C-alpha cells in the first residue's frame, strides 16, 4: 500500500524507508523500527485510509503467498493435530489477514487486530481493537472458550510480543526470534529454533549453555 501511495502521505515514505533499512540490515533493531513505528503511525491516520484499497491489496499480496511457510512450524502443527491438539493463532496482524491465513491452513480458532469500519464498510472509523499486547489474556479467552488445559501445551513465537504466551505454556519455542525474544528465551532456557533454507536448527539449553540438538 505504501508503494502504491495508498496509506497516507505521512506514512508512505516512512514505511518504505524503514522496510528498506530492515531488508538491508542497516542496524540490529531495523526490523523492530519497521514493525513498531509503522504500526504506530498507521494507527494514528487509520481513519484516512481507504478500506477498499486495503481489501484489494490484501487479495493481491497475501493470497499468492499463503503457501510460503516455514517447514518447522508446519510439521509441528501437523504432528500436534494428529495427536488431537487444537491449533490456535493469536496475531497482532489485522483480522482479515489472520482469518485468510488461518482458514487456509486449517487452524481451529484465531484472533487478529480489528480495524473497525463504518456501518456501510466504506471507512475505517479509527477505532482499533489491538491484539499485539497482552496476548496471554487473549489465549486465556480461547482456552476457556474451548474448554482446554495447558497440560503439555506448545506455543511458537518470534518477537517480544509473544513472550507473555510463551511464559504460560509448558513447551515454549522461540522460532527465528528477534533480539528481545532471543535474550528472554536464553535467560529462561527455552528451546530456540532457527530455520534457513528448509533446514531447522534446534538449540537446546544444557548445563547453562545452548547446544545444537
C-alpha atoms as a PDB file:
ATOM      1  CA  UNK A   1       0.000   0.000   0.000  1.00  0.00           C
ATOM      2  CA  UNK A   2       2.895   2.351   0.744  1.00  0.00           C
ATOM      3  CA  UNK A   3       4.490   1.716  -2.652  1.00  0.00           C
ATOM      4  CA  UNK A   4       1.138   2.456  -4.290  1.00  0.00           C
ATOM      5  CA  UNK A   5       0.844   5.578  -2.108  1.00  0.00           C
ATOM      6  CA  UNK A   6      -2.401   4.249  -0.623  1.00  0.00           C
ATOM      7  CA  UNK A   7      -1.605   4.630   3.071  1.00  0.00           C
ATOM      8  CA  UNK A   8      -1.146   8.300   3.927  1.00  0.00           C
ATOM      9  CA  UNK A   9       1.368  10.976   2.869  1.00  0.00           C
ATOM     10  CA  UNK A  10       2.902  10.911   6.347  1.00  0.00           C
ATOM     11  CA  UNK A  11       3.296   7.151   6.308  1.00  0.00           C
ATOM     12  CA  UNK A  12       4.067   6.077   2.723  1.00  0.00           C
ATOM     13  CA  UNK A  13       7.718   7.192   2.569  1.00  0.00           C
ATOM     14  CA  UNK A  14       8.438   6.291   6.183  1.00  0.00           C
ATOM     15  CA  UNK A  15       7.140   2.748   5.702  1.00  0.00           C
ATOM     16  CA  UNK A  16       9.233   2.254   2.566  1.00  0.00           C
ATOM     17  CA  UNK A  17      12.380   3.708   4.161  1.00  0.00           C
ATOM     18  CA  UNK A  18      12.059   1.606   7.319  1.00  0.00           C
ATOM     19  CA  UNK A  19      11.344  -1.502   5.254  1.00  0.00           C
ATOM     20  CA  UNK A  20      14.447  -0.816   3.195  1.00  0.00           C
ATOM     21  CA  UNK A  21      16.526  -0.369   6.362  1.00  0.00           C
ATOM     22  CA  UNK A  22      15.320  -3.737   7.622  1.00  0.00           C
ATOM     23  CA  UNK A  23      15.946  -5.602   4.368  1.00  0.00           C
ATOM     24  CA  UNK A  24      19.425  -4.084   4.005  1.00  0.00           C
ATOM     25  CA  UNK A  25      20.174  -4.790   7.696  1.00  0.00           C
ATOM     26  CA  UNK A  26      21.085  -1.177   8.443  1.00  0.00           C
ATOM     27  CA  UNK A  27      21.266  -1.879  12.164  1.00  0.00           C
ATOM     28  CA  UNK A  28      20.307  -4.505  14.765  1.00  0.00           C
ATOM     29  CA  UNK A  29      16.900  -3.036  15.534  1.00  0.00           C
ATOM     30  CA  UNK A  30      15.844  -2.291  11.955  1.00  0.00           C
ATOM     31  CA  UNK A  31      13.001  -4.818  11.974  1.00  0.00           C
ATOM     32  CA  UNK A  32      11.656  -3.546  15.305  1.00  0.00           C
ATOM     33  CA  UNK A  33      11.689   0.012  13.917  1.00  0.00           C
ATOM     34  CA  UNK A  34       9.761  -1.032  10.827  1.00  0.00           C
ATOM     35  CA  UNK A  35       7.311  -3.159  12.785  1.00  0.00           C
ATOM     36  CA  UNK A  36       6.591  -0.825  15.681  1.00  0.00           C
ATOM     37  CA  UNK A  37       6.889   2.654  14.165  1.00  0.00           C
ATOM     38  CA  UNK A  38       4.849   1.954  11.034  1.00  0.00           C
ATOM     39  CA  UNK A  39       2.107   0.308  13.082  1.00  0.00           C
ATOM     40  CA  UNK A  40       2.018   3.309  15.401  1.00  0.00           C
ATOM     41  CA  UNK A  41       1.819   5.814  12.543  1.00  0.00           C
ATOM     42  CA  UNK A  42      -0.782   3.819  10.613  1.00  0.00           C
ATOM     43  CA  UNK A  43      -2.958   3.644  13.719  1.00  0.00           C
ATOM     44  CA  UNK A  44      -2.759   7.435  14.032  1.00  0.00           C
ATOM     45  CA  UNK A  45      -4.038   8.058  10.495  1.00  0.00           C
ATOM     46  CA  UNK A  46      -6.236   4.981  10.107  1.00  0.00           C
ATOM     47  CA  UNK A  47      -9.477   6.904   9.567  1.00  0.00           C
ATOM     48  CA  UNK A  48      -7.946   8.460   6.437  1.00  0.00           C
ATOM     49  CA  UNK A  49      -7.044   5.117   4.821  1.00  0.00           C
ATOM     50  CA  UNK A  50      -9.498   3.723   2.275  1.00  0.00           C
ATOM     51  CA  UNK A  51     -10.712   0.197   3.222  1.00  0.00           C
ATOM     52  CA  UNK A  52     -11.254  -0.543  -0.472  1.00  0.00           C
ATOM     53  CA  UNK A  53      -7.533  -0.156  -1.152  1.00  0.00           C
ATOM     54  CA  UNK A  54      -6.674  -2.321   1.859  1.00  0.00           C
ATOM     55  CA  UNK A  55      -9.026  -5.110   0.754  1.00  0.00           C
ATOM     56  CA  UNK A  56      -7.655  -5.043  -2.778  1.00  0.00           C
ATOM     57  CA  UNK A  57      -4.037  -5.164  -1.593  1.00  0.00           C
ATOM     58  CA  UNK A  58      -4.877  -7.985   0.798  1.00  0.00           C
ATOM     59  CA  UNK A  59      -6.018 -10.200  -2.057  1.00  0.00           C
ATOM     60  CA  UNK A  60      -3.194  -9.185  -4.390  1.00  0.00           C
ATOM     61  CA  UNK A  61      -0.435  -9.580  -1.816  1.00  0.00           C
ATOM     62  CA  UNK A  62      -1.372 -12.291   0.659  1.00  0.00           C
ATOM     63  CA  UNK A  63      -3.317 -14.833  -1.394  1.00  0.00           C
ATOM     64  CA  UNK A  64      -0.333 -15.725  -3.642  1.00  0.00           C
ATOM     65  CA  UNK A  65       1.829 -16.149  -0.511  1.00  0.00           C
ATOM     66  CA  UNK A  66      -0.411 -18.404   1.568  1.00  0.00           C
ATOM     67  CA  UNK A  67       1.818 -21.412   0.907  1.00  0.00           C
ATOM     68  CA  UNK A  68       5.022 -19.512   1.773  1.00  0.00           C
ATOM     69  CA  UNK A  69       5.507 -21.079   5.185  1.00  0.00           C
ATOM     70  CA  UNK A  70       8.380 -22.414   7.284  1.00  0.00           C
ATOM     71  CA  UNK A  71       8.769 -26.190   7.494  1.00  0.00           C
ATOM     72  CA  UNK A  72       9.363 -26.494  11.252  1.00  0.00           C
ATOM     73  CA  UNK A  73       6.105 -24.909  12.464  1.00  0.00           C
ATOM     74  CA  UNK A  74       4.178 -26.523   9.620  1.00  0.00           C
ATOM     75  CA  UNK A  75       5.373 -30.010  10.570  1.00  0.00           C
ATOM     76  CA  UNK A  76       4.905 -29.401  14.293  1.00  0.00           C
ATOM     77  CA  UNK A  77       1.353 -28.198  13.656  1.00  0.00           C
ATOM     78  CA  UNK A  78       0.593 -31.337  11.642  1.00  0.00           C
ATOM     79  CA  UNK A  79       2.103 -33.615  14.307  1.00  0.00           C
ATOM     80  CA  UNK A  80       0.101 -31.973  17.065  1.00  0.00           C
ATOM     81  CA  UNK A  81      -3.113 -32.082  15.049  1.00  0.00           C
ATOM     82  CA  UNK A  82      -2.587 -35.810  14.508  1.00  0.00           C
ATOM     83  CA  UNK A  83      -2.427 -36.151  18.302  1.00  0.00           C
ATOM     84  CA  UNK A  84      -5.709 -34.296  18.745  1.00  0.00           C
ATOM     85  CA  UNK A  85      -4.368 -30.861  19.682  1.00  0.00           C
ATOM     86  CA  UNK A  86      -6.385 -27.741  18.949  1.00  0.00           C
ATOM     87  CA  UNK A  87      -4.389 -25.257  16.862  1.00  0.00           C
ATOM     88  CA  UNK A  88      -4.815 -21.579  17.707  1.00  0.00           C
ATOM     89  CA  UNK A  89      -3.378 -18.373  16.259  1.00  0.00           C
ATOM     90  CA  UNK A  90      -3.066 -15.054  18.097  1.00  0.00           C
ATOM     91  CA  UNK A  91      -1.601 -12.287  15.976  1.00  0.00           C
ATOM     92  CA  UNK A  92      -1.136  -8.548  16.026  1.00  0.00           C
ATOM     93  CA  UNK A  93      -1.864  -8.514  12.303  1.00  0.00           C
ATOM     94  CA  UNK A  94      -5.273  -7.409  11.073  1.00  0.00           C
ATOM     95  CA  UNK A  95      -8.077  -9.935  11.482  1.00  0.00           C
ATOM     96  CA  UNK A  96      -8.688 -10.055   7.723  1.00  0.00           C
ATOM     97  CA  UNK A  97      -5.113 -11.254   7.179  1.00  0.00           C
ATOM     98  CA  UNK A  98      -5.142 -13.725  10.061  1.00  0.00           C
ATOM     99  CA  UNK A  99      -8.537 -15.078   9.004  1.00  0.00           C
ATOM    100  CA  UNK A 100      -7.388 -15.658   5.435  1.00  0.00           C
ATOM    101  CA  UNK A 101      -4.204 -17.448   6.546  1.00  0.00           C
ATOM    102  CA  UNK A 102      -5.730 -19.478   9.398  1.00  0.00           C
ATOM    103  CA  UNK A 103      -8.636 -20.778   7.322  1.00  0.00           C
ATOM    104  CA  UNK A 104      -6.300 -21.796   4.522  1.00  0.00           C
ATOM    105  CA  UNK A 105      -4.036 -23.710   6.902  1.00  0.00           C
ATOM    106  CA  UNK A 106      -6.844 -25.380   8.848  1.00  0.00           C
ATOM    107  CA  UNK A 107      -6.434 -23.706  12.239  1.00  0.00           C
ATOM    108  CA  UNK A 108      -9.182 -24.290  14.786  1.00  0.00           C
ATOM    109  CA  UNK A 109      -9.549 -20.719  16.046  1.00  0.00           C
ATOM    110  CA  UNK A 110      -7.740 -17.397  15.729  1.00  0.00           C
ATOM    111  CA  UNK A 111      -7.605 -13.804  16.872  1.00  0.00           C
ATOM    112  CA  UNK A 112      -6.349 -10.756  14.980  1.00  0.00           C
ATOM    113  CA  UNK A 113      -6.417  -6.999  15.378  1.00  0.00           C
ATOM    114  CA  UNK A 114      -9.615  -5.238  14.318  1.00  0.00           C
ATOM    115  CA  UNK A 115      -9.665  -2.040  12.348  1.00  0.00           C
ATOM    116  CA  UNK A 116     -13.315  -1.092  12.908  1.00  0.00           C
ATOM    117  CA  UNK A 117     -15.307   0.060   9.907  1.00  0.00           C
ATOM    118  CA  UNK A 118     -18.328   2.250   9.427  1.00  0.00           C
ATOM    119  CA  UNK A 119     -21.707   0.533   9.070  1.00  0.00           C
ATOM    120  CA  UNK A 120     -21.506   0.737   5.287  1.00  0.00           C
ATOM    121  CA  UNK A 121     -17.908  -0.556   5.316  1.00  0.00           C
ATOM    122  CA  UNK A 122     -16.616   2.375   3.298  1.00  0.00           C
ATOM    123  CA  UNK A 123     -14.476   3.960   6.014  1.00  0.00           C
ATOM    124  CA  UNK A 124     -12.252   2.954   8.877  1.00  0.00           C
ATOM    125  CA  UNK A 125     -13.611   4.651  11.979  1.00  0.00           C
ATOM    126  CA  UNK A 126     -10.179   4.969  13.566  1.00  0.00           C
ATOM    127  CA  UNK A 127     -11.169   2.669  16.420  1.00  0.00           C
ATOM    128  CA  UNK A 128      -8.816  -0.262  16.918  1.00  0.00           C
ATOM    129  CA  UNK A 129      -9.106  -3.425  18.966  1.00  0.00           C
ATOM    130  CA  UNK A 130      -5.429  -4.240  19.389  1.00  0.00           C
ATOM    131  CA  UNK A 131      -4.107  -7.788  19.768  1.00  0.00           C
ATOM    132  CA  UNK A 132      -0.342  -7.247  19.760  1.00  0.00           C
ATOM    133  CA  UNK A 133      -0.129  -6.676  23.530  1.00  0.00           C
ATOM    134  CA  UNK A 134      -1.066  -8.899  26.487  1.00  0.00           C
ATOM    135  CA  UNK A 135      -1.522 -11.881  24.212  1.00  0.00           C
ATOM    136  CA  UNK A 136      -1.701 -14.221  27.218  1.00  0.00           C
ATOM    137  CA  UNK A 137      -5.080 -12.690  28.072  1.00  0.00           C
ATOM    138  CA  UNK A 138      -6.333 -13.498  24.583  1.00  0.00           C
ATOM    139  CA  UNK A 139      -5.006 -17.039  24.909  1.00  0.00           C
ATOM    140  CA  UNK A 140      -6.818 -17.461  28.209  1.00  0.00           C
ATOM    141  CA  UNK A 141     -10.074 -16.465  26.495  1.00  0.00           C
ATOM    142  CA  UNK A 142      -9.578 -19.125  23.834  1.00  0.00           C
ATOM    143  CA  UNK A 143      -8.632 -21.722  26.444  1.00  0.00           C
ATOM    144  CA  UNK A 144     -11.877 -21.038  28.319  1.00  0.00           C
ATOM    145  CA  UNK A 145     -13.919 -20.838  25.124  1.00  0.00           C
ATOM    146  CA  UNK A 146     -12.834 -24.314  24.003  1.00  0.00           C
ATOM    147  CA  UNK A 147     -12.508 -25.866  27.482  1.00  0.00           C
ATOM    148  CA  UNK A 148      -8.787 -26.531  27.036  1.00  0.00           C
ATOM    149  CA  UNK A 149      -5.950 -27.037  29.514  1.00  0.00           C
ATOM    150  CA  UNK A 150      -2.276 -26.085  29.494  1.00  0.00           C
ATOM    151  CA  UNK A 151      -1.157 -29.701  30.016  1.00  0.00           C
ATOM    152  CA  UNK A 152       1.708 -30.404  27.602  1.00  0.00           C
ATOM    153  CA  UNK A 153       0.818 -27.229  25.709  1.00  0.00           C
ATOM    154  CA  UNK A 154       3.019 -25.743  22.971  1.00  0.00           C
ATOM    155  CA  UNK A 155       3.480 -22.221  21.678  1.00  0.00           C
ATOM    156  CA  UNK A 156       5.697 -20.740  18.984  1.00  0.00           C
ATOM    157  CA  UNK A 157       6.605 -17.056  18.850  1.00  0.00           C
ATOM    158  CA  UNK A 158       9.149 -14.902  17.017  1.00  0.00           C
ATOM    159  CA  UNK A 159       9.046 -11.491  18.699  1.00  0.00           C
ATOM    160  CA  UNK A 160       8.947  -9.949  22.145  1.00  0.00           C
ATOM    161  CA  UNK A 161       5.197  -9.530  21.806  1.00  0.00           C
ATOM    162  CA  UNK A 162       4.830 -13.304  22.085  1.00  0.00           C
ATOM    163  CA  UNK A 163       6.643 -13.629  25.419  1.00  0.00           C
ATOM    164  CA  UNK A 164       3.507 -13.487  27.558  1.00  0.00           C
ATOM    165  CA  UNK A 165       2.059 -16.503  25.711  1.00  0.00           C
ATOM    166  CA  UNK A 166       5.300 -18.462  25.764  1.00  0.00           C
ATOM    167  CA  UNK A 167       5.537 -17.819  29.507  1.00  0.00           C
ATOM    168  CA  UNK A 168       2.357 -19.732  30.319  1.00  0.00           C
ATOM    169  CA  UNK A 169       2.639 -22.835  28.126  1.00  0.00           C
ATOM    170  CA  UNK A 170       4.634 -25.920  29.027  1.00  0.00           C
ATOM    171  CA  UNK A 171       6.627 -26.117  25.796  1.00  0.00           C
ATOM    172  CA  UNK A 172       7.660 -22.625  24.646  1.00  0.00           C
ATOM    173  CA  UNK A 173       9.592 -22.360  21.375  1.00  0.00           C
ATOM    174  CA  UNK A 174      11.354 -19.197  20.213  1.00  0.00           C
ATOM    175  CA  UNK A 175      11.341 -19.516  16.423  1.00  0.00           C
ATOM    176  CA  UNK A 176      13.635 -17.246  14.374  1.00  0.00           C
ATOM    177  CA  UNK A 177      13.458 -14.861  17.344  1.00  0.00           C
ATOM    178  CA  UNK A 178      14.157 -11.152  17.284  1.00  0.00           C
ATOM    179  CA  UNK A 179      16.623  -9.667  19.782  1.00  0.00           C
ATOM    180  CA  UNK A 180      14.103  -9.175  22.569  1.00  0.00           C
ATOM    181  CA  UNK A 181      12.730 -12.702  22.408  1.00  0.00           C
ATOM    182  CA  UNK A 182      16.169 -14.260  21.928  1.00  0.00           C
ATOM    183  CA  UNK A 183      17.516 -12.627  25.090  1.00  0.00           C
ATOM    184  CA  UNK A 184      14.450 -13.635  27.086  1.00  0.00           C
ATOM    185  CA  UNK A 185      14.479 -17.204  25.765  1.00  0.00           C
ATOM    186  CA  UNK A 186      18.146 -17.651  26.682  1.00  0.00           C
ATOM    187  CA  UNK A 187      17.556 -16.364  30.199  1.00  0.00           C
ATOM    188  CA  UNK A 188      14.668 -18.801  30.676  1.00  0.00           C
ATOM    189  CA  UNK A 189      16.277 -21.809  28.971  1.00  0.00           C
ATOM    190  CA  UNK A 190      13.625 -22.072  26.285  1.00  0.00           C
ATOM    191  CA  UNK A 191      14.079 -24.078  23.123  1.00  0.00           C
ATOM    192  CA  UNK A 192      15.272 -21.917  20.225  1.00  0.00           C
ATOM    193  CA  UNK A 193      14.756 -22.949  16.604  1.00  0.00           C
ATOM    194  CA  UNK A 194      16.300 -21.199  13.614  1.00  0.00           C
ATOM    195  CA  UNK A 195      15.222 -22.230  10.122  1.00  0.00           C
ATOM    196  CA  UNK A 196      17.170 -21.383   7.000  1.00  0.00           C
ATOM    197  CA  UNK A 197      16.801 -22.890   3.529  1.00  0.00           C
ATOM    198  CA  UNK A 198      14.289 -25.500   4.747  1.00  0.00           C
ATOM    199  CA  UNK A 199      16.648 -26.750   7.467  1.00  0.00           C
ATOM    200  CA  UNK A 200      15.601 -26.144  11.080  1.00  0.00           C
ATOM    201  CA  UNK A 201      18.354 -25.919  13.689  1.00  0.00           C
ATOM    202  CA  UNK A 202      17.179 -26.601  17.236  1.00  0.00           C
ATOM    203  CA  UNK A 203      19.189 -25.135  20.097  1.00  0.00           C
ATOM    204  CA  UNK A 204      18.595 -26.861  23.414  1.00  0.00           C
ATOM    205  CA  UNK A 205      19.717 -25.496  26.821  1.00  0.00           C
ATOM    206  CA  UNK A 206      22.200 -27.809  28.551  1.00  0.00           C
ATOM    207  CA  UNK A 207      24.233 -27.008  31.637  1.00  0.00           C
ATOM    208  CA  UNK A 208      23.794 -23.271  31.205  1.00  0.00           C
ATOM    209  CA  UNK A 209      24.699 -23.169  27.505  1.00  0.00           C
ATOM    210  CA  UNK A 210      22.875 -23.874  24.251  1.00  0.00           C
ATOM    211  CA  UNK A 211      23.877 -26.832  22.111  1.00  0.00           C
ATOM    212  CA  UNK A 212      22.790 -27.808  18.619  1.00  0.00           C
ATOM    213  CA  UNK A 213      20.259 -30.589  19.109  1.00  0.00           C
END
